[in-house]
Amino acid sequence: SYEDPFIRNIVEFVAHDDFQTKFENFFLKHAQKFSDAEEHKFLYYDLYQKFQEMFDGELQGFCRDQGVTKEEFYKRCKEASEADPKAMHYIQILVSSAEYETFVRLMKIMKPIAQSRMAVTKAEEKDGPASPSSAKKSSKGEDDEEDDIEMDNFGADEKGSGRNIRPAAARKGEEDDDDFDDKASKK
């Protein structure tokens, strides 16, 4: 648990299904537009701006509910970071998630998941709805039962506190991305 109740409220807000689902849906809707090419398309930045508007809107809603301004929010986050190393780690990840490079990386991670979901949807449109077990096998593979496509811990530490905009399915089995949270927090 976090020492500062304000930080605890941030964690609960970001961990809430409404927040997580909104961003997961955005990623799934747009991820297929991203490629592995090093050069970024102008579209990426346009989508990032839409993402940033959503993120800022959620942050403004949180601030309004807490009775603080955006400036007070950042001031309290800074103070909490200085007093509580666990809060510092969480806040660094939260802030880095709103950076352009992290956004692009998340979209590229989401691309195969979005493609899998699209394939299942097209198959259902063609052949009718699949049974829950066959849909699961179609989108994830028979041996991949734990690889749920749902939002995982945002800034999760080893103990699994908080939530992560990055989906659980994208986090599992990717050797190159195992240290994503650490890299994101160092930006």
N, C-alpha and C. Protein backbone atom coordinates (compact mmCIF):
# COMPACT_ATOMS: atom_id res chain seq x y z
N SER A 1 0.85 -1.19 0.00
CA SER A 1 0.00 0.00 0.00
C SER A 1 0.88 1.24 0.00
N TYR A 2 0.33 2.31 -0.50
CA TYR A 2 1.07 3.56 -0.59
C TYR A 2 0.86 4.39 0.66
N GLU A 3 1.92 5.08 1.09
CA GLU A 3 1.84 5.90 2.30
C GLU A 3 0.89 7.07 2.11
N ASP A 4 0.92 7.69 0.96
CA ASP A 4 0.13 8.89 0.68
C ASP A 4 -1.25 8.48 0.14
N PRO A 5 -2.33 8.91 0.81
CA PRO A 5 -3.68 8.55 0.33
C PRO A 5 -3.96 9.10 -1.07
N PHE A 6 -3.38 10.22 -1.43
CA PHE A 6 -3.54 10.80 -2.76
C PHE A 6 -3.01 9.83 -3.82
N ILE A 7 -1.83 9.28 -3.58
CA ILE A 7 -1.23 8.33 -4.52
C ILE A 7 -2.07 7.05 -4.56
N ARG A 8 -2.56 6.61 -3.42
CA ARG A 8 -3.43 5.43 -3.37
C ARG A 8 -4.67 5.67 -4.24
N ASN A 9 -5.21 6.89 -4.20
CA ASN A 9 -6.38 7.22 -5.03
C ASN A 9 -6.03 7.20 -6.52
N ILE A 10 -4.83 7.65 -6.86
CA ILE A 10 -4.38 7.61 -8.26
C ILE A 10 -4.32 6.16 -8.74
N VAL A 11 -3.70 5.32 -7.92
CA VAL A 11 -3.56 3.91 -8.28
C VAL A 11 -4.94 3.28 -8.48
N GLU A 12 -5.85 3.53 -7.57
CA GLU A 12 -7.20 2.97 -7.69
C GLU A 12 -7.91 3.50 -8.93
N PHE A 13 -7.74 4.78 -9.23
CA PHE A 13 -8.38 5.38 -10.40
C PHE A 13 -7.87 4.74 -11.69
N VAL A 14 -6.56 4.62 -11.82
CA VAL A 14 -5.96 4.05 -13.03
C VAL A 14 -6.25 2.55 -13.13
N ALA A 15 -6.38 1.88 -12.00
CA ALA A 15 -6.63 0.44 -11.99
C ALA A 15 -8.09 0.10 -12.30
N HIS A 16 -8.96 1.08 -12.24
CA HIS A 16 -10.39 0.83 -12.45
C HIS A 16 -10.65 0.34 -13.87
N ASP A 17 -11.57 -0.60 -14.01
CA ASP A 17 -11.88 -1.19 -15.31
C ASP A 17 -12.29 -0.15 -16.36
N ASP A 18 -13.01 0.90 -15.96
CA ASP A 18 -13.43 1.92 -16.93
C ASP A 18 -12.21 2.57 -17.59
N PHE A 19 -11.23 2.94 -16.79
CA PHE A 19 -10.01 3.56 -17.30
C PHE A 19 -9.27 2.58 -18.20
N GLN A 20 -9.06 1.37 -17.70
CA GLN A 20 -8.30 0.37 -18.45
C GLN A 20 -8.98 0.01 -19.77
N THR A 21 -10.28 -0.20 -19.75
CA THR A 21 -11.02 -0.60 -20.95
C THR A 21 -10.98 0.49 -22.01
N LYS A 22 -11.12 1.73 -21.58
CA LYS A 22 -11.09 2.84 -22.53
C LYS A 22 -9.78 2.85 -23.33
N PHE A 23 -8.66 2.68 -22.64
CA PHE A 23 -7.37 2.73 -23.32
C PHE A 23 -7.08 1.44 -24.09
N GLU A 24 -7.49 0.31 -23.56
CA GLU A 24 -7.32 -0.94 -24.30
C GLU A 24 -8.09 -0.87 -25.61
N ASN A 25 -9.32 -0.39 -25.59
CA ASN A 25 -10.12 -0.28 -26.81
C ASN A 25 -9.48 0.66 -27.82
N PHE A 26 -8.91 1.76 -27.34
CA PHE A 26 -8.22 2.69 -28.23
C PHE A 26 -7.04 1.99 -28.90
N PHE A 27 -6.24 1.28 -28.11
CA PHE A 27 -5.08 0.59 -28.67
C PHE A 27 -5.50 -0.46 -29.69
N LEU A 28 -6.51 -1.24 -29.35
CA LEU A 28 -6.96 -2.28 -30.27
C LEU A 28 -7.53 -1.70 -31.56
N LYS A 29 -8.20 -0.58 -31.46
CA LYS A 29 -8.81 0.06 -32.64
C LYS A 29 -7.74 0.57 -33.61
N HIS A 30 -6.63 1.06 -33.09
CA HIS A 30 -5.65 1.74 -33.94
C HIS A 30 -4.33 1.01 -34.14
N ALA A 31 -4.08 -0.05 -33.40
CA ALA A 31 -2.76 -0.71 -33.41
C ALA A 31 -2.36 -1.24 -34.78
N GLN A 32 -3.32 -1.69 -35.58
CA GLN A 32 -2.97 -2.26 -36.88
C GLN A 32 -2.42 -1.23 -37.86
N LYS A 33 -2.53 0.03 -37.52
CA LYS A 33 -2.02 1.09 -38.39
C LYS A 33 -0.52 1.30 -38.20
N PHE A 34 0.07 0.62 -37.22
CA PHE A 34 1.49 0.79 -36.91
C PHE A 34 2.29 -0.33 -37.54
N SER A 35 3.49 0.02 -38.02
CA SER A 35 4.37 -0.98 -38.63
C SER A 35 5.68 -1.02 -37.83
N ASP A 36 6.51 -2.00 -38.15
CA ASP A 36 7.80 -2.12 -37.48
C ASP A 36 8.88 -1.25 -38.12
N ALA A 37 8.53 -0.51 -39.15
CA ALA A 37 9.50 0.38 -39.81
C ALA A 37 10.00 1.43 -38.80
N GLU A 38 11.26 1.79 -38.93
CA GLU A 38 11.83 2.77 -38.00
C GLU A 38 11.25 4.17 -38.22
N GLU A 39 10.94 4.49 -39.46
CA GLU A 39 10.39 5.81 -39.75
C GLU A 39 8.92 5.85 -39.33
N HIS A 40 8.58 6.90 -38.62
CA HIS A 40 7.21 7.04 -38.12
C HIS A 40 6.37 7.81 -39.13
N LYS A 41 5.15 7.36 -39.30
CA LYS A 41 4.22 8.05 -40.18
C LYS A 41 3.59 9.21 -39.43
N PHE A 42 3.12 10.22 -40.16
CA PHE A 42 2.43 11.35 -39.53
C PHE A 42 1.19 10.88 -38.77
N LEU A 43 0.57 9.82 -39.27
CA LEU A 43 -0.60 9.26 -38.62
C LEU A 43 -0.30 8.88 -37.17
N TYR A 44 0.89 8.38 -36.90
CA TYR A 44 1.24 7.97 -35.54
C TYR A 44 1.10 9.15 -34.57
N TYR A 45 1.61 10.29 -35.01
CA TYR A 45 1.55 11.46 -34.12
C TYR A 45 0.11 11.95 -33.96
N ASP A 46 -0.67 11.87 -35.03
CA ASP A 46 -2.09 12.24 -34.93
C ASP A 46 -2.81 11.35 -33.92
N LEU A 47 -2.55 10.05 -33.98
CA LEU A 47 -3.17 9.12 -33.03
C LEU A 47 -2.65 9.38 -31.61
N TYR A 48 -1.37 9.69 -31.51
CA TYR A 48 -0.80 10.01 -30.20
C TYR A 48 -1.51 11.23 -29.60
N GLN A 49 -1.78 12.23 -30.42
CA GLN A 49 -2.48 13.42 -29.92
C GLN A 49 -3.88 13.06 -29.42
N LYS A 50 -4.57 12.18 -30.13
CA LYS A 50 -5.89 11.73 -29.68
C LYS A 50 -5.76 10.97 -28.36
N PHE A 51 -4.76 10.11 -28.28
CA PHE A 51 -4.50 9.38 -27.04
C PHE A 51 -4.21 10.36 -25.90
N GLN A 52 -3.38 11.35 -26.19
CA GLN A 52 -3.00 12.34 -25.17
C GLN A 52 -4.23 13.12 -24.69
N GLU A 53 -5.13 13.46 -25.61
CA GLU A 53 -6.38 14.13 -25.23
C GLU A 53 -7.20 13.26 -24.29
N MET A 54 -7.30 11.96 -24.61
CA MET A 54 -8.02 11.03 -23.74
C MET A 54 -7.36 10.95 -22.37
N PHE A 55 -6.04 10.81 -22.37
CA PHE A 55 -5.28 10.69 -21.13
C PHE A 55 -5.46 11.95 -20.29
N ASP A 56 -5.32 13.12 -20.92
CA ASP A 56 -5.50 14.39 -20.21
C ASP A 56 -6.92 14.54 -19.68
N GLY A 57 -7.91 14.10 -20.47
CA GLY A 57 -9.30 14.17 -20.02
C GLY A 57 -9.53 13.31 -18.78
N GLU A 58 -8.94 12.12 -18.78
CA GLU A 58 -9.05 11.25 -17.60
C GLU A 58 -8.36 11.88 -16.40
N LEU A 59 -7.19 12.46 -16.65
CA LEU A 59 -6.45 13.13 -15.57
C LEU A 59 -7.24 14.32 -15.02
N GLN A 60 -7.84 15.10 -15.90
CA GLN A 60 -8.66 16.24 -15.46
C GLN A 60 -9.85 15.76 -14.63
N GLY A 61 -10.48 14.67 -15.05
CA GLY A 61 -11.59 14.12 -14.28
C GLY A 61 -11.14 13.69 -12.89
N PHE A 62 -9.99 13.04 -12.83
CA PHE A 62 -9.45 12.63 -11.52
C PHE A 62 -9.19 13.86 -10.65
N CYS A 63 -8.55 14.88 -11.23
CA CYS A 63 -8.24 16.10 -10.48
C CYS A 63 -9.53 16.77 -9.98
N ARG A 64 -10.52 16.83 -10.83
CA ARG A 64 -11.80 17.43 -10.44
C ARG A 64 -12.42 16.67 -9.27
N ASP A 65 -12.40 15.34 -9.37
CA ASP A 65 -12.96 14.51 -8.31
C ASP A 65 -12.19 14.65 -7.00
N GLN A 66 -10.89 14.91 -7.11
CA GLN A 66 -10.05 15.05 -5.92
C GLN A 66 -10.03 16.50 -5.40
N GLY A 67 -10.59 17.42 -6.19
CA GLY A 67 -10.60 18.82 -5.79
C GLY A 67 -9.24 19.49 -5.88
N VAL A 68 -8.44 19.08 -6.89
CA VAL A 68 -7.12 19.69 -7.09
C VAL A 68 -6.98 20.15 -8.54
N THR A 69 -6.11 21.13 -8.75
CA THR A 69 -5.80 21.56 -10.11
C THR A 69 -4.75 20.60 -10.69
N LYS A 70 -4.54 20.70 -11.99
CA LYS A 70 -3.53 19.86 -12.63
C LYS A 70 -2.14 20.19 -12.05
N GLU A 71 -1.91 21.46 -11.79
CA GLU A 71 -0.63 21.87 -11.20
C GLU A 71 -0.45 21.27 -9.81
N GLU A 72 -1.52 21.29 -9.01
CA GLU A 72 -1.46 20.68 -7.68
C GLU A 72 -1.24 19.17 -7.78
N PHE A 73 -1.87 18.55 -8.78
CA PHE A 73 -1.69 17.12 -9.01
C PHE A 73 -0.21 16.81 -9.18
N TYR A 74 0.46 17.54 -10.11
CA TYR A 74 1.87 17.26 -10.38
C TYR A 74 2.74 17.60 -9.17
N LYS A 75 2.38 18.64 -8.45
CA LYS A 75 3.13 19.00 -7.25
C LYS A 75 3.02 17.89 -6.20
N ARG A 76 1.81 17.38 -6.00
CA ARG A 76 1.61 16.31 -5.01
C ARG A 76 2.29 15.02 -5.46
N CYS A 77 2.28 14.76 -6.76
CA CYS A 77 2.99 13.58 -7.26
C CYS A 77 4.49 13.71 -6.99
N LYS A 78 5.03 14.90 -7.23
CA LYS A 78 6.45 15.13 -6.99
C LYS A 78 6.78 14.95 -5.52
N GLU A 79 5.96 15.53 -4.65
CA GLU A 79 6.19 15.40 -3.21
C GLU A 79 6.11 13.95 -2.77
N ALA A 80 5.12 13.23 -3.27
CA ALA A 80 4.97 11.82 -2.90
C ALA A 80 6.15 11.00 -3.42
N SER A 81 6.63 11.33 -4.60
CA SER A 81 7.78 10.63 -5.18
C SER A 81 9.03 10.80 -4.33
N GLU A 82 9.19 11.99 -3.79
CA GLU A 82 10.36 12.26 -2.95
C GLU A 82 10.27 11.54 -1.61
N ALA A 83 9.06 11.32 -1.12
CA ALA A 83 8.87 10.72 0.20
C ALA A 83 8.72 9.19 0.15
N ASP A 84 8.27 8.65 -0.98
CA ASP A 84 7.93 7.22 -1.05
C ASP A 84 8.50 6.63 -2.35
N PRO A 85 9.56 5.82 -2.26
CA PRO A 85 10.17 5.24 -3.47
C PRO A 85 9.19 4.42 -4.31
N LYS A 86 8.25 3.73 -3.66
CA LYS A 86 7.26 2.95 -4.40
C LYS A 86 6.36 3.89 -5.21
N ALA A 87 5.97 5.01 -4.61
CA ALA A 87 5.16 6.00 -5.32
C ALA A 87 5.95 6.59 -6.47
N MET A 88 7.24 6.84 -6.26
CA MET A 88 8.09 7.40 -7.31
C MET A 88 8.09 6.47 -8.53
N HIS A 89 8.27 5.18 -8.29
CA HIS A 89 8.29 4.21 -9.39
C HIS A 89 6.97 4.23 -10.16
N TYR A 90 5.87 4.21 -9.45
CA TYR A 90 4.55 4.20 -10.07
C TYR A 90 4.32 5.48 -10.89
N ILE A 91 4.64 6.62 -10.32
CA ILE A 91 4.42 7.91 -10.99
C ILE A 91 5.28 8.02 -12.23
N GLN A 92 6.53 7.55 -12.16
CA GLN A 92 7.40 7.58 -13.34
C GLN A 92 6.79 6.76 -14.48
N ILE A 93 6.26 5.62 -14.17
CA ILE A 93 5.65 4.77 -15.20
C ILE A 93 4.39 5.42 -15.74
N LEU A 94 3.58 5.97 -14.86
CA LEU A 94 2.34 6.65 -15.28
C LEU A 94 2.67 7.78 -16.24
N VAL A 95 3.64 8.61 -15.89
CA VAL A 95 4.01 9.75 -16.73
C VAL A 95 4.64 9.28 -18.04
N SER A 96 5.51 8.28 -17.99
CA SER A 96 6.16 7.82 -19.22
C SER A 96 5.16 7.18 -20.18
N SER A 97 4.07 6.65 -19.67
CA SER A 97 3.05 6.05 -20.53
C SER A 97 2.41 7.08 -21.44
N ALA A 98 2.49 8.34 -21.07
CA ALA A 98 1.92 9.40 -21.88
C ALA A 98 2.93 10.01 -22.85
N GLU A 99 4.15 9.48 -22.90
CA GLU A 99 5.17 9.98 -23.82
C GLU A 99 5.01 9.32 -25.19
N TYR A 100 5.37 10.05 -26.23
CA TYR A 100 5.18 9.59 -27.60
C TYR A 100 5.87 8.25 -27.88
N GLU A 101 7.14 8.12 -27.54
CA GLU A 101 7.88 6.88 -27.85
C GLU A 101 7.26 5.68 -27.16
N THR A 102 6.82 5.85 -25.92
CA THR A 102 6.17 4.76 -25.20
C THR A 102 4.84 4.41 -25.86
N PHE A 103 4.10 5.43 -26.28
CA PHE A 103 2.83 5.22 -26.97
C PHE A 103 3.04 4.37 -28.23
N VAL A 104 4.03 4.72 -29.04
CA VAL A 104 4.30 3.99 -30.28
C VAL A 104 4.67 2.55 -29.96
N ARG A 105 5.48 2.36 -28.94
CA ARG A 105 5.87 1.00 -28.57
C ARG A 105 4.65 0.19 -28.12
N LEU A 106 3.78 0.79 -27.34
CA LEU A 106 2.56 0.09 -26.90
C LEU A 106 1.69 -0.29 -28.10
N MET A 107 1.58 0.60 -29.06
CA MET A 107 0.77 0.31 -30.24
C MET A 107 1.36 -0.86 -31.03
N LYS A 108 2.66 -0.91 -31.14
CA LYS A 108 3.30 -2.02 -31.86
C LYS A 108 3.13 -3.33 -31.11
N ILE A 109 3.15 -3.27 -29.80
CA ILE A 109 2.92 -4.47 -28.98
C ILE A 109 1.49 -4.95 -29.16
N MET A 110 0.57 -4.01 -29.27
CA MET A 110 -0.85 -4.35 -29.39
C MET A 110 -1.23 -4.86 -30.79
N LYS A 111 -0.42 -4.60 -31.79
CA LYS A 111 -0.77 -4.94 -33.17
C LYS A 111 -1.13 -6.42 -33.35
N PRO A 112 -0.32 -7.37 -32.91
CA PRO A 112 -0.71 -8.78 -33.11
C PRO A 112 -1.99 -9.15 -32.35
N ILE A 113 -2.23 -8.54 -31.23
CA ILE A 113 -3.45 -8.80 -30.47
C ILE A 113 -4.65 -8.27 -31.24
N ALA A 114 -4.52 -7.06 -31.78
CA ALA A 114 -5.60 -6.47 -32.58
C ALA A 114 -5.86 -7.32 -33.82
N GLN A 115 -4.80 -7.81 -34.46
CA GLN A 115 -4.96 -8.65 -35.64
C GLN A 115 -5.67 -9.96 -35.30
N SER A 116 -5.32 -10.53 -34.16
CA SER A 116 -5.96 -11.76 -33.72
C SER A 116 -7.45 -11.54 -33.47
N ARG A 117 -7.77 -10.45 -32.81
CA ARG A 117 -9.17 -10.14 -32.55
C ARG A 117 -9.93 -9.90 -33.84
N MET A 118 -9.29 -9.22 -34.79
CA MET A 118 -9.91 -8.95 -36.09
C MET A 118 -10.18 -10.25 -36.82
N ALA A 119 -9.24 -11.20 -36.76
CA ALA A 119 -9.43 -12.50 -37.43
C ALA A 119 -10.60 -13.25 -36.82
N VAL A 120 -10.72 -13.21 -35.51
CA VAL A 120 -11.84 -13.89 -34.84
C VAL A 120 -13.16 -13.24 -35.25
N THR A 121 -13.19 -11.92 -35.28
CA THR A 121 -14.40 -11.19 -35.66
C THR A 121 -14.81 -11.53 -37.09
N LYS A 122 -13.84 -11.55 -38.02
CA LYS A 122 -14.14 -11.88 -39.41
C LYS A 122 -14.64 -13.31 -39.54
N ALA A 123 -14.04 -14.22 -38.80
CA ALA A 123 -14.48 -15.62 -38.83
C ALA A 123 -15.90 -15.76 -38.31
N GLU A 124 -16.22 -15.02 -37.27
CA GLU A 124 -17.57 -15.06 -36.71
C GLU A 124 -18.58 -14.47 -37.69
N GLU A 125 -18.19 -13.41 -38.39
CA GLU A 125 -19.09 -12.81 -39.38
C GLU A 125 -19.35 -13.79 -40.52
N LYS A 126 -18.33 -14.53 -40.89
CA LYS A 126 -18.45 -15.48 -42.00
C LYS A 126 -19.19 -16.75 -41.58
N ASP A 127 -18.79 -17.32 -40.44
CA ASP A 127 -19.30 -18.63 -40.03
C ASP A 127 -20.29 -18.58 -38.88
N GLY A 128 -20.60 -17.41 -38.38
CA GLY A 128 -21.46 -17.31 -37.20
C GLY A 128 -20.60 -17.32 -35.95
N PRO A 129 -21.19 -16.94 -34.83
CA PRO A 129 -20.42 -16.87 -33.58
C PRO A 129 -19.82 -18.23 -33.22
N ALA A 130 -18.58 -18.17 -32.79
CA ALA A 130 -17.90 -19.39 -32.35
C ALA A 130 -18.25 -19.66 -30.91
N SER A 131 -18.12 -20.90 -30.52
CA SER A 131 -18.34 -21.21 -29.10
C SER A 131 -17.23 -20.55 -28.30
N PRO A 132 -17.46 -20.24 -27.04
CA PRO A 132 -16.43 -19.57 -26.24
C PRO A 132 -15.10 -20.31 -26.25
N SER A 133 -15.11 -21.62 -26.20
CA SER A 133 -13.85 -22.37 -26.17
C SER A 133 -13.14 -22.31 -27.51
N SER A 134 -13.88 -22.36 -28.62
CA SER A 134 -13.20 -22.29 -29.92
C SER A 134 -12.74 -20.87 -30.22
N ALA A 135 -13.47 -19.86 -29.75
CA ALA A 135 -13.02 -18.48 -29.94
C ALA A 135 -11.74 -18.25 -29.17
N LYS A 136 -11.65 -18.81 -27.97
CA LYS A 136 -10.45 -18.65 -27.17
C LYS A 136 -9.28 -19.31 -27.87
N LYS A 137 -9.49 -20.51 -28.43
CA LYS A 137 -8.42 -21.22 -29.12
C LYS A 137 -8.03 -20.48 -30.39
N SER A 138 -9.01 -19.88 -31.09
CA SER A 138 -8.72 -19.16 -32.32
C SER A 138 -7.87 -17.94 -32.06
N SER A 139 -8.18 -17.23 -31.00
CA SER A 139 -7.48 -15.98 -30.76
C SER A 139 -6.21 -16.14 -29.97
N LYS A 140 -6.07 -17.26 -29.23
CA LYS A 140 -4.91 -17.35 -28.36
C LYS A 140 -4.10 -18.62 -28.55
N GLY A 141 -4.65 -19.63 -29.08
CA GLY A 141 -3.95 -20.90 -29.20
C GLY A 141 -4.37 -21.81 -28.05
N GLU A 142 -4.32 -23.11 -28.31
CA GLU A 142 -4.81 -24.07 -27.34
C GLU A 142 -4.03 -24.07 -26.04
N ASP A 143 -2.73 -23.86 -26.10
CA ASP A 143 -1.89 -23.96 -24.91
C ASP A 143 -1.67 -22.62 -24.22
N ASP A 144 -2.43 -21.62 -24.56
CA ASP A 144 -2.17 -20.27 -24.09
C ASP A 144 -3.28 -19.77 -23.16
N GLU A 145 -3.80 -20.62 -22.31
CA GLU A 145 -4.96 -20.28 -21.49
C GLU A 145 -4.75 -19.08 -20.59
N GLU A 146 -3.52 -18.87 -20.09
CA GLU A 146 -3.29 -17.78 -19.15
C GLU A 146 -3.08 -16.44 -19.84
N ASP A 147 -3.01 -16.43 -21.15
CA ASP A 147 -2.65 -15.22 -21.89
C ASP A 147 -3.87 -14.36 -22.17
N ASP A 148 -4.59 -13.95 -21.14
CA ASP A 148 -5.80 -13.16 -21.31
C ASP A 148 -5.50 -11.83 -21.97
N ILE A 149 -6.40 -11.42 -22.87
CA ILE A 149 -6.26 -10.12 -23.50
C ILE A 149 -7.06 -9.13 -22.67
N GLU A 150 -6.48 -8.73 -21.60
CA GLU A 150 -7.09 -7.73 -20.75
C GLU A 150 -5.96 -6.90 -20.17
N MET A 151 -6.30 -5.80 -19.63
CA MET A 151 -5.28 -4.90 -19.15
C MET A 151 -4.64 -5.46 -17.89
N ASP A 152 -3.32 -5.35 -17.82
CA ASP A 152 -2.56 -5.83 -16.69
C ASP A 152 -2.15 -4.64 -15.84
N ASN A 153 -1.35 -4.85 -14.87
CA ASN A 153 -1.02 -3.82 -13.90
C ASN A 153 -0.27 -2.64 -14.50
N PHE A 154 -0.81 -1.44 -14.30
CA PHE A 154 -0.20 -0.20 -14.75
C PHE A 154 0.91 0.11 -13.77
N GLY A 155 2.14 -0.04 -14.22
CA GLY A 155 3.26 0.20 -13.34
C GLY A 155 3.42 -0.89 -12.31
N ALA A 156 3.04 -2.09 -12.64
CA ALA A 156 3.07 -3.16 -11.65
C ALA A 156 4.49 -3.47 -11.23
N ASP A 157 4.65 -3.67 -9.96
CA ASP A 157 5.91 -4.17 -9.47
C ASP A 157 5.78 -5.68 -9.32
N GLU A 158 6.78 -6.31 -8.72
CA GLU A 158 6.76 -7.76 -8.58
C GLU A 158 5.54 -8.24 -7.83
N LYS A 159 4.98 -7.42 -6.97
CA LYS A 159 3.85 -7.82 -6.15
C LYS A 159 2.53 -7.58 -6.86
N GLY A 160 2.55 -6.97 -8.06
CA GLY A 160 1.34 -6.80 -8.84
C GLY A 160 0.46 -5.64 -8.39
N SER A 161 1.05 -4.61 -7.81
CA SER A 161 0.23 -3.47 -7.41
C SER A 161 0.03 -2.54 -8.59
N GLY A 162 -1.06 -1.83 -8.63
CA GLY A 162 -1.34 -0.88 -9.69
C GLY A 162 -1.87 -1.56 -10.93
N ARG A 163 -1.93 -0.82 -12.06
CA ARG A 163 -2.39 -1.38 -13.32
C ARG A 163 -1.48 -0.88 -14.43
N ASN A 164 -1.53 -1.52 -15.58
CA ASN A 164 -0.68 -1.17 -16.71
C ASN A 164 -1.50 -1.10 -17.98
N ILE A 165 -1.33 -0.03 -18.71
CA ILE A 165 -2.04 0.13 -19.98
C ILE A 165 -1.63 -0.98 -20.94
N ARG A 166 -0.47 -1.51 -20.78
CA ARG A 166 0.01 -2.57 -21.64
C ARG A 166 -0.73 -3.86 -21.32
N PRO A 167 -1.28 -4.55 -22.33
CA PRO A 167 -2.11 -5.73 -22.07
C PRO A 167 -1.29 -6.92 -21.59
N ALA A 168 -1.95 -7.76 -20.82
CA ALA A 168 -1.31 -8.96 -20.29
C ALA A 168 -0.80 -9.84 -21.42
N ALA A 169 -1.58 -9.97 -22.47
CA ALA A 169 -1.18 -10.84 -23.58
C ALA A 169 0.10 -10.35 -24.23
N ALA A 170 0.30 -9.05 -24.26
CA ALA A 170 1.50 -8.51 -24.88
C ALA A 170 2.71 -8.66 -23.97
N ARG A 171 2.47 -8.81 -22.66
CA ARG A 171 3.57 -8.89 -21.71
C ARG A 171 4.13 -10.29 -21.59
N LYS A 172 3.35 -11.30 -21.84
CA LYS A 172 3.77 -12.68 -21.59
C LYS A 172 4.54 -13.23 -22.78
N GLY A 173 5.64 -13.89 -22.49
CA GLY A 173 6.39 -14.60 -23.50
C GLY A 173 7.21 -13.73 -24.43
N GLU A 174 7.41 -12.48 -24.09
CA GLU A 174 8.22 -11.60 -24.93
C GLU A 174 9.50 -11.28 -24.21
N GLU A 175 10.56 -11.98 -24.56
CA GLU A 175 11.83 -11.81 -23.88
C GLU A 175 12.34 -10.38 -23.99
N ASP A 176 12.16 -9.75 -25.15
CA ASP A 176 12.66 -8.40 -25.35
C ASP A 176 11.92 -7.37 -24.53
N ASP A 177 10.70 -7.67 -24.11
CA ASP A 177 9.88 -6.67 -23.43
C ASP A 177 9.71 -6.95 -21.95
N ASP A 178 10.42 -7.94 -21.40
CA ASP A 178 10.26 -8.26 -19.99
C ASP A 178 10.61 -7.10 -19.08
N ASP A 179 11.53 -6.26 -19.52
CA ASP A 179 11.94 -5.15 -18.66
C ASP A 179 11.30 -3.83 -19.10
N PHE A 180 10.13 -3.90 -19.75
CA PHE A 180 9.44 -2.71 -20.24
C PHE A 180 9.21 -1.68 -19.14
N ASP A 181 8.67 -2.12 -18.00
CA ASP A 181 8.37 -1.19 -16.93
C ASP A 181 9.62 -0.49 -16.44
N ASP A 182 10.75 -1.23 -16.34
CA ASP A 182 11.97 -0.60 -15.90
C ASP A 182 12.46 0.43 -16.89
N LYS A 183 12.40 0.10 -18.19
CA LYS A 183 12.83 1.05 -19.22
C LYS A 183 11.93 2.28 -19.22
N ALA A 184 10.63 2.07 -19.10
CA ALA A 184 9.69 3.18 -19.12
C ALA A 184 9.91 4.10 -17.93
N SER A 185 10.25 3.52 -16.79
CA SER A 185 10.42 4.35 -15.59
C SER A 185 11.71 5.13 -15.60
N LYS A 186 12.67 4.76 -16.47
CA LYS A 186 13.94 5.46 -16.52
C LYS A 186 13.93 6.65 -17.47
N LYS A 187 12.86 6.83 -18.24
CA LYS A 187 12.77 7.94 -19.21
C LYS A 187 12.64 9.26 -18.51
